Structures are given as structure tokens and as C-alpha cells.
Protein backbone atom coordinates (compact mmCIF):
# COMPACT_ATOMS: atom_id res chain seq x y z
CA MET A 1 0.29 0.14 -0.16
CA LYS A 2 1.42 3.47 -0.88
CA HIS A 3 1.25 6.10 2.11
CA LEU A 4 1.06 9.56 2.29
CA GLU A 5 1.26 12.07 5.05
CA ILE A 6 -0.67 15.06 4.60
CA LYS A 7 -0.52 18.08 7.88
CA PRO A 8 -3.73 20.13 7.39
CA GLY A 9 -2.33 23.39 6.62
CA GLU A 10 -2.98 27.19 5.60
CA LYS A 11 -1.62 27.07 2.30
CA PRO A 12 -3.87 28.73 -0.58
CA PRO A 13 -5.45 26.04 -2.58
CA THR A 14 -3.70 27.89 -5.87
CA ARG A 15 -0.67 29.77 -6.73
CA ASP A 16 -2.43 33.20 -8.12
CA PHE A 17 -4.72 34.49 -5.72
CA PRO A 18 -5.48 37.93 -6.25
CA THR A 19 -2.84 39.77 -4.26
CA GLU A 20 -5.10 42.82 -3.54
CA LYS A 21 -8.06 40.30 -1.98
CA GLY A 22 -5.40 38.08 -0.05
CA PHE A 23 -5.88 34.28 1.19
CA SER A 24 -9.01 33.84 3.58
CA ASN A 25 -9.21 30.60 5.17
CA ALA A 26 -12.46 30.89 6.21
CA ASN A 27 -14.94 28.00 6.41
CA LEU A 28 -17.32 27.76 3.77
CA GLN A 29 -20.70 28.93 4.27
CA PRO A 30 -23.20 26.58 2.93
CA ALA A 31 -26.66 27.84 1.96
CA GLU A 32 -29.04 24.37 3.57
CA VAL A 33 -27.10 21.76 5.92
CA LYS A 34 -28.91 18.41 5.11
CA VAL A 35 -28.25 15.39 7.13
CA HIS A 36 -29.01 11.60 7.10
CA PRO A 37 -32.93 11.39 7.37
CA SER A 38 -32.21 9.57 10.80
CA GLY A 39 -30.32 12.05 11.93
CA SER A 40 -27.70 10.75 14.25
CA GLY A 41 -26.87 13.96 16.20
CA ASP A 42 -23.03 13.67 16.48
CA GLU A 43 -21.96 14.72 12.92
CA ASN A 44 -18.75 15.61 12.45
CA ALA A 45 -17.68 15.57 8.99
CA SER A 46 -19.25 16.74 6.17
CA ILE A 47 -19.34 17.12 2.14
CA PHE A 48 -19.55 20.73 0.46
CA PHE A 49 -21.63 20.96 -3.28
CA VAL A 50 -19.48 23.22 -5.63
CA GLY A 51 -21.00 21.93 -8.42
CA THR A 52 -20.76 19.24 -11.62
CA ALA A 53 -18.41 16.53 -9.76
CA THR A 54 -16.55 19.11 -7.65
CA THR A 55 -17.17 18.60 -3.70
CA ILE A 56 -15.25 19.44 -0.39
CA LEU A 57 -14.51 16.70 2.17
CA GLU A 58 -13.78 18.30 5.76
CA TRP A 59 -13.48 16.01 8.60
CA GLU A 60 -10.66 16.24 11.21
CA GLY A 61 -9.39 19.27 9.98
CA ILE A 62 -8.72 18.12 6.94
CA ARG A 63 -10.08 19.66 3.13
CA VAL A 64 -10.23 16.96 0.26
CA MET A 65 -11.81 18.43 -3.04
CA THR A 66 -12.90 16.02 -5.87
CA ASP A 67 -12.66 16.86 -9.42
CA PRO A 68 -12.35 20.29 -9.37
CA ASN A 69 -14.09 22.56 -12.24
CA PHE A 70 -14.45 26.37 -11.38
CA LEU A 71 -15.48 27.42 -15.06
CA HIS A 72 -18.84 29.86 -15.13
CA ALA A 73 -22.10 29.57 -17.14
CA GLY A 74 -20.95 30.65 -20.88
CA ASP A 75 -17.34 28.86 -20.44
CA HIS A 76 -16.40 25.97 -22.58
CA VAL A 77 -14.45 22.79 -22.69
CA HIS A 78 -13.25 20.44 -24.32
CA LEU A 79 -14.57 16.94 -24.34
CA GLY A 80 -12.76 15.43 -27.33
CA PRO A 81 -12.20 15.46 -31.08
CA GLY A 82 -14.72 18.18 -32.53
CA VAL A 83 -16.64 18.16 -28.46
CA THR A 84 -16.99 20.66 -26.14
CA GLY A 85 -18.88 21.30 -23.80
CA THR A 86 -20.75 25.04 -22.81
CA ARG A 87 -21.14 25.20 -18.44
CA LYS A 88 -24.64 26.46 -17.94
CA THR A 89 -24.48 27.03 -14.27
CA ASN A 90 -22.00 29.07 -11.88
CA PRO A 91 -19.86 27.17 -9.09
CA ALA A 92 -20.81 27.41 -5.26
CA ILE A 93 -17.55 29.61 -4.57
CA ASP A 94 -15.14 30.68 -6.76
CA LEU A 95 -11.71 29.37 -7.56
CA HIS A 96 -9.73 31.90 -5.54
CA ASP A 97 -12.28 32.10 -3.14
CA LEU A 98 -11.66 28.44 -1.87
CA PRO A 99 -10.41 27.67 1.71
CA ASN A 100 -7.20 25.67 2.38
CA ILE A 101 -7.30 22.55 0.19
CA ASP A 102 -5.20 19.21 1.77
CA LEU A 103 -5.81 16.61 -0.98
CA VAL A 104 -7.37 16.64 -4.75
CA LEU A 105 -9.00 13.18 -6.03
CA LEU A 106 -8.95 13.90 -9.81
CA SER A 107 -11.18 11.06 -11.43
CA HIS A 108 -10.19 11.86 -14.92
CA TYR A 109 -7.96 13.73 -17.05
CA HIS A 110 -11.08 15.87 -18.61
CA ALA A 111 -11.78 19.38 -18.78
CA ASP A 112 -15.08 19.34 -17.18
CA HIS A 113 -13.50 17.05 -13.74
CA PHE A 114 -9.91 19.51 -14.26
CA ASP A 115 -11.02 22.86 -16.08
CA GLN A 116 -8.06 24.73 -18.11
CA LYS A 117 -8.76 27.67 -14.96
CA VAL A 118 -7.48 24.92 -12.46
CA GLU A 119 -4.60 23.42 -14.34
CA GLU A 120 -3.20 26.70 -14.67
CA SER A 121 -3.54 27.82 -11.37
CA LEU A 122 -3.23 25.17 -8.44
CA ARG A 123 -0.31 24.99 -6.50
CA ARG A 124 2.05 22.65 -8.06
CA ASP A 125 2.65 21.05 -4.49
CA LEU A 126 -1.06 20.33 -3.69
CA PRO A 127 -1.06 16.56 -3.19
CA ILE A 128 -3.13 14.91 -6.19
CA ILE A 129 -4.64 11.25 -6.13
CA THR A 130 -5.89 10.58 -9.88
CA THR A 131 -5.44 7.50 -12.84
CA PRO A 132 -2.14 6.92 -14.31
CA HIS A 133 -3.51 8.04 -17.73
CA ALA A 134 -3.80 11.54 -15.73
CA ALA A 135 -0.77 11.51 -13.32
CA SER A 136 1.11 11.33 -16.93
CA HIS A 137 0.15 14.47 -17.75
CA LEU A 138 -0.07 15.99 -14.74
CA LYS A 139 3.49 15.35 -14.20
CA GLY A 140 4.71 15.88 -17.65
CA LYS A 141 4.62 19.17 -17.83
CA GLY A 142 7.46 21.56 -18.25
CA GLU A 143 10.05 23.04 -15.77
CA GLY A 144 8.07 24.97 -13.02
CA GLU A 145 4.23 23.51 -14.35
CA ALA A 146 4.37 20.13 -13.28
CA PHE A 147 2.67 19.27 -10.96
CA THR A 148 5.39 17.47 -7.81
CA GLU A 149 2.64 15.63 -5.86
CA VAL A 150 0.90 13.00 -7.85
CA TYR A 151 -0.35 9.60 -6.73
CA ASP A 152 -1.92 7.35 -9.48
CA LEU A 153 -4.06 4.44 -8.40
CA ASP A 154 -4.91 1.70 -11.05
CA PHE A 155 -8.75 -0.24 -10.14
CA TYR A 156 -8.26 -1.70 -6.65
CA ASN A 157 -4.86 -0.38 -6.19
CA ASN A 158 -4.70 1.95 -2.93
CA MET A 159 -3.21 4.35 -0.43
CA LEU A 160 -3.31 5.88 3.42
CA VAL A 161 -3.42 9.19 3.91
CA ASP A 162 -1.88 9.83 7.44
CA VAL A 163 -3.27 13.07 8.45
CA LYS A 164 -0.23 14.78 11.09
CA LYS A 165 -2.86 16.53 12.99
CA ASP A 166 -1.71 18.34 16.52
CA GLY A 167 -3.11 17.32 19.62
CA ALA A 168 -3.99 13.80 18.12
CA GLN A 169 -4.97 11.24 20.34
CA PRO A 170 -1.89 9.41 21.22
CA GLY A 171 -1.80 6.00 19.30
CA LYS A 172 -4.68 7.47 17.33
CA SER A 173 -4.56 9.61 14.08
CA PRO A 174 -7.20 10.10 11.69
CA ALA A 175 -6.63 8.29 8.24
CA ILE A 176 -8.12 8.45 5.01
CA LYS A 177 -7.88 4.83 2.44
CA VAL A 178 -7.90 5.44 -0.57
CA THR A 179 -8.65 2.87 -3.58
CA GLY A 180 -9.27 3.30 -6.85
CA MET A 181 -12.71 1.44 -8.23
CA PRO A 182 -13.73 0.73 -12.00
CA GLY A 183 -15.37 2.61 -14.04
CA LYS A 184 -15.62 3.20 -18.58
CA HIS A 185 -16.67 6.02 -19.54
CA VAL A 186 -16.85 4.36 -23.76
CA PRO A 187 -18.37 0.63 -23.54
CA SER A 188 -16.69 -2.61 -24.25
CA GLY A 189 -16.73 -4.26 -27.51
CA VAL A 190 -16.17 -2.00 -30.72
CA LEU A 191 -16.39 1.29 -29.44
CA GLY A 192 -14.15 0.96 -26.60
CA SER A 193 -11.23 -0.45 -29.02
CA LEU A 194 -11.46 1.96 -31.42
CA ASN A 195 -11.41 4.79 -28.34
CA ASP A 196 -8.31 3.08 -27.00
CA LEU A 197 -6.83 3.46 -30.67
CA VAL A 198 -7.41 6.96 -30.67
CA ASN A 199 -7.57 8.34 -27.10
CA ALA A 200 -10.88 10.30 -27.67
CA VAL A 201 -12.45 9.88 -24.23
CA PRO A 202 -9.53 9.43 -21.01
CA PRO A 203 -9.86 6.48 -18.75
CA THR A 204 -11.33 7.08 -15.60
CA ASN A 205 -11.49 5.77 -11.96
CA GLY A 206 -14.33 5.36 -9.50
CA TRP A 207 -13.03 5.96 -5.51
CA MET A 208 -13.39 4.32 -1.86
CA VAL A 209 -12.66 6.79 0.31
CA GLU A 210 -12.77 5.53 3.98
CA LEU A 211 -12.30 7.75 6.82
CA GLY A 212 -10.92 6.48 9.99
CA TYR A 213 -8.05 5.94 12.41
CA ASN A 214 -4.66 4.29 12.29
CA THR A 215 -4.67 2.88 15.75
CA SER A 216 -1.15 1.75 16.38
CA GLY A 217 2.32 2.57 14.66
CA GLY A 218 0.60 3.40 11.01
CA SER A 219 0.67 -0.07 10.09
CA ASP A 220 -1.06 -1.00 6.88
CA ASP A 221 -3.14 -3.82 8.94
CA SER A 222 -3.96 -0.69 12.01
CA PHE A 223 -6.64 1.70 9.81
CA LYS A 224 -9.82 1.50 11.07
CA CYS A 225 -12.82 2.23 8.85
CA GLY A 226 -15.05 4.80 10.41
CA TYR A 227 -16.95 6.17 7.39
CA ARG A 228 -16.91 4.89 3.57
CA ILE A 229 -17.84 6.97 0.84
CA TYR A 230 -18.19 4.75 -2.85
CA ILE A 231 -17.52 7.69 -5.53
CA SER A 232 -18.57 6.42 -8.90
CA GLY A 233 -17.18 8.51 -11.07
CA ASP A 234 -17.59 9.19 -14.42
CA THR A 235 -18.52 5.62 -15.93
CA LEU A 236 -21.46 3.49 -17.42
CA MET A 237 -22.99 0.69 -15.46
CA VAL A 238 -20.25 -1.31 -16.77
CA ASP A 239 -20.26 -5.34 -15.61
CA GLU A 240 -16.43 -4.19 -13.98
CA LEU A 241 -19.02 -2.66 -11.18
CA LYS A 242 -20.48 -5.37 -10.40
CA GLU A 243 -17.06 -7.08 -8.48
CA ILE A 244 -17.01 -3.98 -6.06
CA PRO A 245 -19.92 -5.39 -3.71
CA GLU A 246 -18.16 -8.99 -4.03
CA ARG A 247 -14.92 -7.18 -2.79
CA TYR A 248 -16.63 -5.28 0.02
CA LYS A 249 -19.17 -7.69 1.25
CA GLY A 250 -19.81 -7.42 4.89
CA GLN A 251 -18.25 -4.20 4.73
CA ASN A 252 -21.18 -1.30 4.75
CA ILE A 253 -21.25 1.74 2.31
CA ASP A 254 -22.32 4.40 4.39
CA LEU A 255 -22.55 6.70 1.45
CA MET A 256 -22.64 6.73 -2.64
CA LEU A 257 -21.53 9.49 -4.80
CA ILE A 258 -23.47 8.94 -7.95
CA HIS A 259 -22.06 10.41 -11.39
CA LEU A 260 -25.19 11.11 -13.38
CA GLY A 261 -26.81 13.21 -16.02
CA GLY A 262 -26.48 10.78 -18.97
CA THR A 263 -23.49 12.62 -20.91
CA THR A 264 -24.19 12.14 -24.78
CA VAL A 265 -21.79 13.18 -27.52
CA PRO A 266 -21.19 15.04 -29.89
CA SER A 267 -24.73 16.85 -27.81
CA PRO A 268 -27.91 15.59 -26.63
CA SER A 269 -29.55 16.87 -29.84
CA VAL A 270 -27.04 14.07 -32.04
CA PRO A 271 -26.76 11.78 -29.17
CA LEU A 272 -24.27 9.00 -30.52
CA LEU A 273 -22.74 7.86 -27.54
CA MET A 274 -24.05 8.29 -23.87
CA ILE A 275 -20.29 8.54 -21.66
CA THR A 276 -22.01 8.14 -17.78
CA MET A 277 -24.98 6.78 -16.10
CA ASP A 278 -28.63 8.03 -16.98
CA ALA A 279 -31.70 7.86 -14.18
CA LYS A 280 -31.76 4.30 -15.49
CA GLN A 281 -28.03 3.09 -15.08
CA GLY A 282 -28.04 4.89 -11.86
CA LEU A 283 -31.08 3.00 -9.80
CA GLU A 284 -28.85 -0.24 -11.32
CA LEU A 285 -25.59 1.15 -9.20
CA VAL A 286 -28.36 1.94 -6.98
CA ARG A 287 -29.15 -1.29 -6.43
CA LEU A 288 -25.94 -3.05 -6.98
CA ILE A 289 -23.83 -1.23 -4.40
CA ASN A 290 -26.48 -0.66 -1.59
CA PRO A 291 -25.03 2.21 0.16
CA ASP A 292 -26.89 3.07 2.68
CA LEU A 293 -27.53 6.91 0.83
CA THR A 294 -26.47 8.21 -1.52
CA ILE A 295 -26.32 11.96 -3.12
CA PRO A 296 -26.59 12.46 -7.11
CA ILE A 297 -24.09 14.76 -8.30
CA HIS A 298 -22.96 16.07 -12.24
CA TYR A 299 -26.44 16.18 -13.24
CA ASP A 300 -26.43 19.48 -15.08
CA ASP A 301 -23.76 22.16 -15.10
CA TYR A 302 -23.26 21.29 -19.23
CA ASP A 303 -25.30 21.50 -22.04
CA VAL A 304 -24.05 17.62 -23.05
CA PHE A 305 -26.43 16.45 -20.14
CA LEU A 306 -29.57 14.36 -21.44
CA SER A 307 -30.94 12.53 -18.51
CA PRO A 308 -32.10 15.31 -16.18
CA LEU A 309 -31.63 14.96 -12.00
CA SER A 310 -36.08 14.67 -12.41
CA ASP A 311 -35.46 11.65 -14.11
CA PHE A 312 -33.35 9.39 -11.88
CA LYS A 313 -35.90 11.29 -8.19
CA LYS A 314 -38.48 9.76 -10.02
CA ALA A 315 -36.79 6.79 -10.81
CA MET A 316 -35.65 6.37 -6.98
CA GLU A 317 -39.36 7.03 -6.27
CA ASP A 318 -41.20 4.85 -8.32
CA ALA A 319 -38.00 1.82 -6.76
CA GLY A 320 -39.81 3.33 -3.39
CA LEU A 321 -36.35 4.20 -2.69
CA SER A 322 -36.42 8.24 -1.99
CA SER A 323 -35.35 7.49 1.87
CA LYS A 324 -32.10 6.84 0.65
CA VAL A 325 -31.41 9.35 -1.13
CA VAL A 326 -30.60 13.03 -0.25
CA TYR A 327 -30.40 15.98 -2.68
CA LEU A 328 -28.09 18.88 -2.91
CA ASP A 329 -27.86 22.03 -4.74
CA ARG A 330 -24.80 23.71 -5.77
CA LYS A 331 -23.63 25.56 -1.93
CA ASP A 332 -25.59 22.77 0.03
CA GLN A 333 -22.95 21.01 2.50
CA TYR A 334 -24.69 17.45 3.76
CA LYS A 335 -23.29 16.48 7.67
CA PHE A 336 -22.49 12.67 8.44
CA GLN A 337 -21.02 11.02 11.27
CA VAL A 338 -17.56 9.34 11.19
CA LYS A 339 -16.89 6.67 13.90
CA GLN A 340 -14.34 6.13 16.49
């Protein structure tokens, strides 16, 4: 298992924050705070929804950001040969107004998950966990532009992020175990083989993020999980996902962040190929993974989405699963409890 040590700090997430504004490490201010329908009352961690697939996880003084995309309405992204997407919404917070970020989870090297402004602006020593494909791009930039703390995880590879927090209990320090999960933007077969040949759509990961504590010395077998989050990433409902519940049999999955939208290329008006789950596939994944709770993300921020969130809401209602999902608007926060 790979290891990474992080000490929550006061560094700005970007290297080019406006000097006239300075850097503020103030807490995020949610528009609305939501909890599990059963509500434990002892919530000690949170997820803030920025927009598209960008979220900020806060726990034990550390902040983890997923798939940073901070473009605004009207901005464009390149999604493949001859394919562009236009953003329809604004993020809940601007890139240069972010508080400190300690770690980035990047599911794949696609501009709607790591946009051109993010790529230009993020500080180069910000730790990033991502796919081997994305890592090669981020580390392969020219002198002064390459990202220096990039860690690649393939499917089912994992690493332990040790949180070096002042005042941690002796013999019990917070840690995050990150495991790469399978995902496919393009289905197997002729289309998949063609995509592999021309590299039109990049390979993608999901993640299993386990929040917990090292109980003795930080060895690989001393980690005890207190909360488990599965992040689907940009994937279709492919056979490879069926291995996930087998590998985690007997281990509860507390939360799933599911990427939806039914992304189509080249556009919803010419839907030649769907590359992320629509509502039907999303319901299939909920049934397969069977998390305690699901939060849908990545569903309406760009004009390439064919399946609106309302489709997923109806599918969950028709399946009798409405109590197993929480919906967040941009700038909403979900709070939950990590057990010790």
C-alpha cells in the first residue's frame, strides 16, 4: 500500500490568488445543511457541493476536493475530438475564494473535471490522487509547470493518507484510505477498442474513500474505518462494477456520490454515444452497491447532459427508494458521522 502524509495547513489552494484580495482560510458557508434522514446528531464531517463533480470533504481539519471544475456559465470545455461543452451554471464558490485544500481526488483528465483555469492556477505542490493516465499529464509538464505531488492508483490499488494533526490522541491518528474503483466512459467492444486506439475519451476511476483511524504505528493493518464513501466517477453501468460489492462484502458502504446526467457526445441533439450513467443506469448502480444513502452529483452543469435529475428522482420514487437519497443544490452541505 502506498502512503502519503498530510499536515492540514494554511496554504492557499492556488498559486495565483489575487494579491489585492489576499488569502482567507474561512470556513465554507453553506446555503442549507442536510443530514441523514435518521439524523444521528453527532455529525463530525461534511461534504460541500460546489457543482458538477466538484465537492469538498471536511473531516478532522483536513479538506479533500474532488474533480475541481470552477468555470462559469458560458465557459467552454474540450471533451474530445470535435466535441465541446458549455457550462450552464456557476460554481457555488469561485476558485480563488476557496479555503485551504489539502488533497485532490481527480477521477480522470477531462476538462469538465479539471478545467483549464484550475490547471493553470492550482499550486504545484498540492497532493493529487488520480489515474495513471492523468498522472502522466500532470507530472509531464515543463519545468515550473509540472505538478510535483501526484499519486496514481489503478483499479483496486490503494494508499493510506495519514493526517498529521496537532493534538491527535496518542496511538490513534486520523487517516484516509483511498482505493481506485473501476469505471468506463466508453463500453467494451468495437467502440471501446476504437477509443483505446484514438484516445478520444480518457480512462476514468471511481474511488472508495474510507475515513478512519490508525490505531498503532501506522501499519497497513492498523487502519480502522469509521465511514465509507463510494464515488462512482464518470462511468457507465458496466460489468466491472459488479466486483465492487463482492470485494466489500460484509463491509457497509455508508454513502455513494453518483455521477449522473447521461452525458452524450457530440451533443444531446445528436446523441451518438452516452458516456455517463442516465437515471436508469443510476438506479441499477444504487441497487448493486446498496449504500445507506446516495447523493447524486454531476447532472446539469453542462449542455451535454441528456438525463435530468428529475428522471433519477422519479426512478428512485418508483423503486420505493426515496428515503435512501439526499439531494444537494450547489452550495448545500451534507453532514455525517465518522465513528471512532
